Each structure stands twice: as structure tokens, then as C-alpha cells.
């Protein structure tokens, strides 16, 4: 299994919003909180991110949805395999579900 490091902001059981670099691209995984159900969605939307500098990553990520992002796909949260800490990395096999983007 190959793991790539992540940077995350929201965490509930697992990271709910995180960025991972895979190949030449960066991806934002975003699992929204559903106010009506009072729980997190079971799927993450995965977006191809534009190049971001360290300042953008250190700032407020709530602005990311206002950036024109390209949807790469959706994956089930349960299909994302995190490292043992659930905070440092994800298994890159998840990208097979996105068509190898």
C-alpha cells in the first residue's frame, strides 16, 4: 500500500476536509456536514485544486468552495483508507475510483 501525506482542517472520526498531492496534482476531499440529518455525508466530493502556495494552505479553507474547482468525482468516506493515526496520510488506491486522475 502506498500512502500520501494529507493536510486537513475538519476532523470527526476521520478528516472531513483534506488536501492530498497525488502525481502532479493536488486534490481537495470535502465531506460536508448535513444540517438536516445532523451528521456528515457518507461521501466526499473530490476536487482538482489549482496550484496553492503555503500561505493559501495555512489560511482559511472555507474560501476554497469559492475558487473555481473541477470536480474529479465522489468517493465513499468508508473507501478512503487512512494511515493508523487517521491524520497523516491516505492510501492512494482511492484514486483508482476517480479514474486515475
Protein backbone atom coordinates (compact mmCIF):
# COMPACT_ATOMS: atom_id res chain seq x y z
CA UNK A 1 0.00 0.00 0.00
CA UNK A 2 1.22 3.46 -0.89
CA UNK A 3 0.26 6.38 1.34
CA UNK A 4 0.50 10.07 0.54
CA UNK A 5 0.55 12.73 3.26
CA UNK A 6 -2.51 14.88 3.84
CA UNK A 7 -3.22 18.29 5.30
CA UNK A 8 -6.61 18.51 6.96
CA UNK A 9 -8.91 21.02 8.64
CA UNK A 10 -12.13 19.31 9.73
CA UNK A 11 -11.98 16.11 11.75
CA UNK A 12 -14.81 13.96 13.07
CA UNK A 13 -13.84 10.28 13.35
CA UNK A 14 -11.71 10.89 10.24
CA UNK A 15 -10.59 14.04 8.41
CA UNK A 16 -13.64 15.59 6.71
CA UNK A 17 -11.77 18.16 4.62
CA UNK A 18 -8.26 17.44 3.48
CA UNK A 19 -5.81 18.03 0.66
CA UNK A 20 -3.53 15.38 -0.78
CA UNK A 21 -0.95 15.61 -3.53
CA UNK A 22 -1.02 12.70 -6.00
CA UNK A 23 1.12 12.71 -9.10
CA UNK A 24 1.36 16.26 -10.39
CA UNK A 25 -1.97 17.34 -8.89
CA UNK A 26 -3.47 18.37 -5.58
CA UNK A 27 -6.94 17.19 -4.59
CA UNK A 28 -9.41 18.52 -2.05
CA UNK A 29 -11.59 15.88 -0.38
CA UNK A 30 -14.64 17.57 1.12
CA UNK A 31 -17.21 15.71 3.20
CA UNK A 32 -19.90 18.23 4.09
CA UNK A 33 -21.93 18.33 7.28
CA UNK A 34 -25.63 17.81 6.57
CA UNK A 35 -27.56 20.16 8.87
CA UNK A 36 -30.90 18.43 8.21
CA UNK A 37 -29.59 14.98 9.15
CA UNK A 38 -27.28 16.38 11.85
CA UNK A 39 -24.40 14.25 10.60
CA UNK A 40 -21.68 14.19 7.98
CA UNK A 41 -22.43 12.95 4.48
CA UNK A 42 -21.28 9.43 3.64
CA UNK A 43 -19.48 10.60 0.50
CA UNK A 44 -16.69 13.08 -0.20
CA UNK A 45 -16.65 15.33 -3.21
CA UNK A 46 -13.14 15.32 -4.65
CA UNK A 47 -11.91 18.43 -6.44
CA UNK A 48 -8.81 19.04 -8.51
CA UNK A 49 -7.16 22.07 -6.91
CA UNK A 50 -5.28 24.86 -8.65
CA UNK A 51 -1.68 25.29 -7.51
CA UNK A 52 -1.67 26.64 -3.94
CA UNK A 53 1.20 28.19 -2.06
CA UNK A 54 1.93 27.60 1.62
CA UNK A 55 0.15 30.83 2.59
CA UNK A 56 -3.10 29.65 0.99
CA UNK A 57 -2.86 26.29 2.73
CA UNK A 58 -2.16 27.95 6.08
CA UNK A 59 -5.16 30.28 5.74
CA UNK A 60 -8.89 29.79 5.99
CA UNK A 61 -10.03 26.85 3.85
CA UNK A 62 -13.67 27.99 3.86
CA UNK A 63 -12.77 30.10 0.81
CA UNK A 64 -11.92 27.04 -1.28
CA UNK A 65 -15.52 26.46 -2.44
CA UNK A 66 -15.46 29.97 -3.95
CA UNK A 67 -12.41 29.06 -6.07
CA UNK A 68 -13.44 27.62 -9.45
CA UNK A 69 -12.72 23.94 -8.81
CA UNK A 70 -13.06 20.99 -11.14
CA UNK A 71 -14.99 18.08 -9.65
CA UNK A 72 -12.88 14.94 -10.08
CA UNK A 73 -15.58 12.68 -8.63
CA UNK A 74 -17.17 11.40 -5.45
CA UNK A 75 -15.99 8.61 -3.17
CA UNK A 76 -17.46 6.94 -0.13
CA UNK A 77 -15.83 8.05 3.11
CA UNK A 78 -15.58 4.38 4.08
CA UNK A 79 -13.50 3.71 0.93
CA UNK A 80 -10.83 6.24 1.93
CA UNK A 81 -8.15 4.28 3.80
CA UNK A 82 -6.25 6.44 6.26
CA UNK A 83 -2.99 5.63 7.97
CA UNK A 84 -3.17 4.19 11.52
CA UNK A 85 -3.41 7.67 13.08
CA UNK A 86 -6.13 8.77 10.62
CA UNK A 87 -4.35 12.10 10.47
CA UNK A 88 -1.19 11.74 8.40
CA UNK A 89 -1.96 10.08 5.07
CA UNK A 90 -4.31 8.18 2.79
CA UNK A 91 -3.88 5.10 0.65
CA UNK A 92 -3.54 6.16 -2.98
CA UNK A 93 -5.72 3.26 -4.19
CA UNK A 94 -8.69 5.65 -3.77
CA UNK A 95 -7.57 7.40 -6.95
CA UNK A 96 -8.47 4.26 -8.93
CA UNK A 97 -12.12 5.16 -8.19
CA UNK A 98 -11.53 8.57 -9.74
CA UNK A 99 -10.26 7.10 -12.98
CA UNK A 100 -6.61 7.62 -12.08
CA UNK A 101 -6.81 11.40 -12.28
